Protein backbone atom coordinates (compact mmCIF):
# COMPACT_ATOMS: atom_id res chain seq x y z
CA MET A 1 112.10 107.88 88.27
CA LYS A 2 109.26 105.13 88.41
CA VAL A 3 110.19 102.27 90.40
CA ALA A 4 107.57 99.17 90.97
CA ILE A 5 107.61 97.33 94.32
CA ALA A 6 106.37 93.98 93.55
CA SER A 7 106.82 89.69 94.97
CA GLY A 8 105.65 86.70 93.70
CA LYS A 9 103.42 86.50 96.81
CA GLY A 10 101.76 88.58 99.80
CA GLY A 11 103.56 89.26 102.83
CA THR A 12 107.51 89.18 101.65
CA GLY A 13 107.64 92.29 103.09
CA LYS A 14 106.53 94.87 99.05
CA THR A 15 104.42 97.11 102.10
CA THR A 16 107.63 97.56 104.70
CA LEU A 17 109.65 98.53 101.79
CA SER A 18 107.54 100.89 99.50
CA THR A 19 107.42 102.90 103.06
CA ASN A 20 110.27 103.11 104.05
CA LEU A 21 112.00 103.20 100.49
CA ALA A 22 109.26 106.62 100.30
CA SER A 23 109.76 107.28 103.30
CA PHE A 24 113.85 107.57 103.64
CA LEU A 25 114.30 109.11 99.86
CA SER A 26 111.60 111.85 100.84
CA GLU A 27 113.75 113.26 103.20
CA ASN A 28 116.37 114.97 100.40
CA ASN A 29 113.16 114.85 97.11
CA LYS A 30 110.44 114.95 96.56
CA VAL A 31 108.39 111.62 96.32
CA VAL A 32 105.23 109.84 95.41
CA LEU A 33 104.96 106.75 96.89
CA THR A 34 101.25 104.92 95.62
CA ASP A 35 99.21 101.49 97.07
CA LEU A 36 97.91 99.88 93.93
CA ASP A 37 97.10 97.13 96.24
CA VAL A 38 93.84 98.34 95.93
CA GLU A 39 91.85 95.11 97.29
CA GLU A 40 93.88 95.53 100.21
CA PRO A 41 95.54 98.82 100.51
CA ASN A 42 98.11 99.75 104.34
CA SER A 43 100.32 101.49 102.75
CA GLY A 44 98.94 104.47 104.73
CA LEU A 45 98.51 102.66 108.33
CA PHE A 46 102.44 103.93 108.35
CA LEU A 47 102.92 107.01 107.44
CA LYS A 48 101.67 109.95 109.02
CA SER A 49 99.56 112.22 105.93
CA GLU A 50 97.32 115.08 105.46
CA LEU A 51 94.41 113.77 103.01
CA ILE A 52 93.68 117.15 100.82
CA HIS A 53 92.02 115.18 97.54
CA SER A 54 89.74 112.02 97.93
CA GLU A 55 87.48 110.86 94.69
CA ASP A 56 84.96 108.51 93.69
CA LYS A 57 86.24 106.36 90.68
CA PHE A 58 83.81 105.29 88.20
CA LYS A 59 84.29 101.93 85.53
CA MET A 60 81.40 102.20 82.46
CA ILE A 61 78.67 99.48 82.02
CA PRO A 62 76.27 98.89 79.66
CA GLU A 63 72.54 99.30 79.93
CA TRP A 64 69.96 97.75 77.99
CA ASN A 65 67.35 100.13 76.57
CA LYS A 66 64.36 97.53 75.42
CA THR A 67 62.18 99.70 73.82
CA ASP A 68 64.81 100.59 70.61
CA CYS A 69 66.08 97.07 71.18
CA THR A 70 65.07 94.30 68.02
CA LEU A 71 67.36 91.71 69.45
CA CYS A 72 69.56 91.17 66.75
CA GLY A 73 72.25 89.38 69.12
CA ASN A 74 75.39 91.47 67.86
CA CYS A 75 76.41 92.50 71.47
CA GLN A 76 76.55 89.27 72.85
CA LYS A 77 78.78 88.15 69.46
CA VAL A 78 81.24 91.17 70.17
CA CYS A 79 81.68 90.16 74.15
CA ASN A 80 85.09 88.31 74.25
CA TYR A 81 83.71 88.48 78.53
CA HIS A 82 80.30 87.07 77.99
CA ALA A 83 79.35 89.75 80.18
CA VAL A 84 76.22 90.62 77.35
CA ILE A 85 74.23 87.44 76.27
CA GLN A 86 69.71 87.54 75.03
CA LEU A 87 68.14 85.17 77.16
CA GLY A 88 64.49 85.05 75.07
CA ASP A 89 63.42 88.70 74.46
CA MET A 90 66.07 89.91 77.42
CA ILE A 91 69.51 91.52 76.88
CA MET A 92 70.98 90.55 80.89
CA VAL A 93 74.11 93.07 81.39
CA PHE A 94 76.81 91.37 84.32
CA PRO A 95 78.36 94.78 85.17
CA GLU A 96 81.07 92.10 86.95
CA LEU A 97 82.15 90.26 84.04
CA CYS A 98 82.37 93.49 81.68
CA HIS A 99 86.13 95.52 80.85
CA SER A 100 84.65 98.76 79.04
CA CYS A 101 85.82 98.16 76.44
CA PHE A 102 82.16 99.59 74.66
CA ALA A 103 82.38 96.89 71.12
CA CYS A 104 78.48 96.64 72.65
CA SER A 105 77.93 99.97 73.04
CA GLU A 106 79.58 101.26 69.70
CA LEU A 107 78.34 98.38 67.74
CA CYS A 108 74.53 98.28 68.65
CA PRO A 109 72.55 99.19 66.06
CA THR A 110 69.72 101.15 67.45
CA ASN A 111 72.11 102.28 70.90
CA SER A 112 70.25 100.43 73.00
CA LEU A 113 73.25 99.72 75.11
CA PRO A 114 74.23 103.09 76.76
CA MET A 115 77.13 103.07 79.01
CA ILE A 116 77.04 104.66 82.20
CA PRO A 117 79.13 104.96 84.94
CA GLN A 118 79.05 102.62 88.14
CA LYS A 119 81.17 103.37 91.28
CA MET A 120 83.67 101.16 91.29
CA GLY A 121 85.98 102.64 94.26
CA GLU A 122 87.80 105.83 95.61
CA LEU A 123 90.85 107.53 95.59
CA LYS A 124 92.45 109.30 98.80
CA HIS A 125 95.90 111.78 98.55
CA PHE A 126 97.50 112.84 101.46
CA LYS A 127 100.59 114.92 101.79
CA SER A 128 103.01 115.73 104.17
CA LYS A 129 106.25 117.42 103.37
CA ASN A 130 108.15 115.87 100.66
CA LEU A 131 106.45 112.91 100.62
CA ASP A 132 102.76 112.72 98.85
CA PHE A 133 100.77 109.53 99.63
CA VAL A 134 98.11 108.41 96.82
CA GLU A 135 95.85 104.69 97.68
CA SER A 136 93.21 103.60 95.91
CA ARG A 137 90.95 101.34 97.65
CA ILE A 138 88.02 98.92 94.52
CA LYS A 139 84.42 98.78 95.92
CA ILE A 140 83.43 95.35 98.27
CA GLY A 141 81.93 92.84 95.45
CA GLU A 142 83.97 94.64 92.89
CA GLU A 143 85.29 91.92 90.75
CA GLN A 144 87.92 93.64 88.59
CA ALA A 145 91.30 95.38 90.57
CA VAL A 146 92.95 96.56 86.52
CA PRO A 147 90.62 99.70 86.10
CA LEU A 148 90.93 101.03 89.26
CA ILE A 149 94.77 100.61 88.90
CA LYS A 150 95.21 102.42 85.71
CA GLN A 151 93.03 105.46 86.61
CA THR A 152 95.33 105.62 90.03
CA LEU A 153 98.04 105.78 87.39
CA ASP A 154 96.70 108.13 85.07
CA TYR A 155 96.07 110.81 88.52
CA ILE A 156 99.65 110.65 88.82
CA ASP A 157 100.84 110.75 86.16
CA GLU A 158 98.44 114.06 85.37
CA ASN A 159 99.49 115.77 88.92
CA PHE A 160 103.16 114.20 88.91
CA ASP A 161 106.24 115.57 86.57
CA ASP A 162 108.93 113.57 85.83
CA LYS A 163 111.08 115.32 88.54
CA VAL A 164 109.51 113.22 91.55
CA ILE A 165 110.59 110.00 92.36
CA LYS A 166 107.41 107.96 92.09
CA ILE A 167 106.82 104.18 93.50
CA TYR A 168 104.47 101.55 93.02
CA ASP A 169 103.35 99.91 95.78
CA ALA A 170 102.42 96.89 93.81
CA PRO A 171 99.20 93.95 93.83
CA PRO A 172 100.40 89.93 95.41
CA GLY A 173 101.41 87.46 93.03
CA THR A 174 102.01 87.70 88.84
CA SER A 175 98.22 88.02 87.38
CA CYS A 176 96.76 90.94 85.81
CA PRO A 177 96.80 93.29 88.40
CA VAL A 178 100.39 93.20 88.80
CA ILE A 179 101.23 93.42 85.18
CA GLU A 180 99.14 96.90 85.40
CA ALA A 181 101.26 98.13 88.12
CA THR A 182 104.13 97.24 86.98
CA LYS A 183 103.85 97.96 82.58
CA ASP A 184 105.24 101.54 82.87
CA ALA A 185 107.95 101.32 85.48
CA ASP A 186 111.22 102.37 84.84
CA PHE A 187 112.87 99.65 87.36
CA VAL A 188 110.76 96.85 89.00
CA ILE A 189 111.94 95.58 92.41
CA LEU A 190 111.13 92.37 94.01
CA ILE A 191 111.01 91.45 97.29
CA THR A 192 111.28 87.52 98.70
CA GLU A 193 112.44 85.80 101.92
CA PRO A 194 114.71 83.03 102.21
CA THR A 195 112.09 80.24 101.94
CA PRO A 196 111.09 77.77 99.22
CA PHE A 197 107.68 79.18 99.19
CA GLY A 198 110.16 83.00 98.46
CA LEU A 199 112.52 80.74 95.96
CA ASN A 200 109.14 79.33 93.72
CA ASP A 201 106.96 82.57 93.98
CA VAL A 202 110.26 84.69 93.43
CA ILE A 203 111.12 83.00 89.99
CA LEU A 204 106.81 83.44 89.62
CA ALA A 205 107.64 87.20 89.32
CA ILE A 206 111.51 87.34 87.68
CA ASP A 207 110.14 85.18 84.43
CA THR A 208 107.41 87.70 84.58
CA MET A 209 108.87 90.74 84.11
CA LYS A 210 111.54 89.24 81.44
CA GLU A 211 108.27 88.43 79.55
CA LEU A 212 107.47 92.58 79.97
CA LYS A 213 110.72 92.80 79.24
CA LYS A 214 111.69 95.02 82.72
CA GLU A 215 114.72 95.77 84.32
CA PHE A 216 114.64 94.45 87.68
CA GLY A 217 117.00 93.34 90.97
CA VAL A 218 115.85 91.40 93.76
CA VAL A 219 115.96 92.33 97.37
CA ILE A 220 115.70 90.16 100.59
CA ASN A 221 113.45 90.77 103.28
CA ARG A 222 113.76 88.41 106.90
CA CYS A 223 117.65 88.03 105.67
CA GLY A 224 118.72 84.55 108.41
CA ILE A 225 115.97 83.08 108.22
CA GLY A 226 115.28 79.90 106.07
CA ASN A 227 117.79 78.92 103.25
CA ASP A 228 120.44 80.66 101.02
CA ASP A 229 118.07 78.75 97.27
CA ILE A 230 117.24 82.32 97.26
CA ILE A 231 121.43 83.52 96.05
CA LYS A 232 122.08 80.20 95.03
CA TYR A 233 119.57 81.33 92.34
CA CYS A 234 120.23 85.11 91.34
CA ASP A 235 124.39 84.07 91.44
CA LYS A 236 124.15 81.36 88.64
CA HIS A 237 120.91 83.39 86.58
CA ASN A 238 123.44 86.49 87.15
CA ILE A 239 120.60 88.93 88.46
CA THR A 240 120.88 91.22 90.86
CA ILE A 241 120.97 91.20 95.03
CA ILE A 242 120.48 95.24 95.72
CA ALA A 243 119.82 94.56 99.08
CA LYS A 244 119.66 92.15 102.02
CA ILE A 245 117.41 93.03 105.21
CA PRO A 246 117.74 91.59 108.55
CA ASN A 247 115.68 89.00 110.27
CA GLN A 248 114.97 91.13 113.40
CA ARG A 249 112.54 90.92 116.43
CA ALA A 250 112.85 94.76 117.22
CA ILE A 251 111.51 95.00 113.55
CA ALA A 252 108.67 92.82 113.35
CA GLU A 253 107.85 95.07 116.82
CA LEU A 254 107.50 98.57 114.95
CA TYR A 255 106.04 96.71 111.68
CA SER A 256 102.90 95.17 114.73
CA ASN A 257 102.62 98.76 115.72
CA GLY A 258 102.44 100.65 112.53
CA GLU A 259 105.72 102.21 112.99
CA LEU A 260 108.63 103.26 110.03
CA LEU A 261 112.08 101.30 110.67
CA TRP A 262 114.49 103.24 108.70
CA ASP A 263 115.11 106.07 111.31
CA LYS A 264 115.72 103.71 113.89
CA ILE A 265 117.16 100.45 112.70
CA PRO A 266 120.25 100.97 111.52
CA GLU A 267 120.68 97.85 109.93
CA VAL A 268 117.54 98.74 108.14
CA LYS A 269 119.38 102.62 106.77
CA VAL A 270 121.95 101.14 105.23
CA GLU A 271 119.81 98.20 103.46
CA LEU A 272 118.08 101.45 101.60
CA GLU A 273 121.10 102.89 100.94
CA LYS A 274 122.47 100.49 99.18
CA ILE A 275 119.04 100.62 96.99
CA ALA A 276 118.53 104.19 97.16
CA LYS A 277 122.44 104.54 95.65
CA TYR A 278 121.60 101.74 92.92
CA LEU A 279 118.47 103.48 91.52
CA THR A 280 120.34 106.14 91.18
CA ALA A 281 123.26 104.60 89.32
CA PHE A 282 120.39 103.15 87.22
CA ASN A 283 117.81 105.98 86.40
CA ILE A 284 121.75 107.72 85.19
CA ASN A 285 123.01 104.90 83.00
CA ALA A 286 119.26 104.26 81.87
CA LYS A 287 119.25 107.94 80.12
CA PRO A 288 120.05 107.95 76.32
CA THR A 289 123.04 109.47 75.54
CA LEU A 290 123.04 112.59 73.69
């Protein structure tokens, strides 16, 4: 089962839930946790694991070879992202805008724009008992997270079979990186907090999941602060609230020290048990009948 943990904004507890749920489930299952927030991955701060693999990740960028170029301008016409433009007798390439679609290269009549690899980040794979942890980190200054997220997901699919529970710690927000991180998930957990900002942003996330036709449920973090507007909204729209993680000082202290919660805070373990039970029931019911 592939479970993505997302939210409409940062700071709601995606990493807290992802790391604790993965660690909790790994007590009795094989689990792989993947940090797809490639611009600022931090799940590894909470996991004590050993590095077993590391590799650089690349994207393909066109490089202008002026020797045979006839300056026909076709490359500029076919590039929807304005990554290739013609200025006088020069062809300029802007790697930050390039989406590696190969259109300019493949449609160049003189093969004057060969695609070359350019490093965009790195991937690391850690392991501890039943829990594998994979994170990717984008290179500073790199504009696009989606290609690295896609390659990270490809790595997971190539190295782990369907018997492994796959948990994706998604980027914040509702933009392209989130869509890439959640589009192949079987179920999406939207974590939020009971504040006006939390309600506004979880509504955006809910609308995004509906547009993607994804099954989802809500987890409320820091339950006890703010108000109950999120609960009312979910009740009104028949959205399942799977669990409510309480607001406690002890939780904040453990988190600040880079420690997991579920094995130290009984209330957190109870909520994770609810999530695990819900996911198990969903997985069974989602299987097609033969």
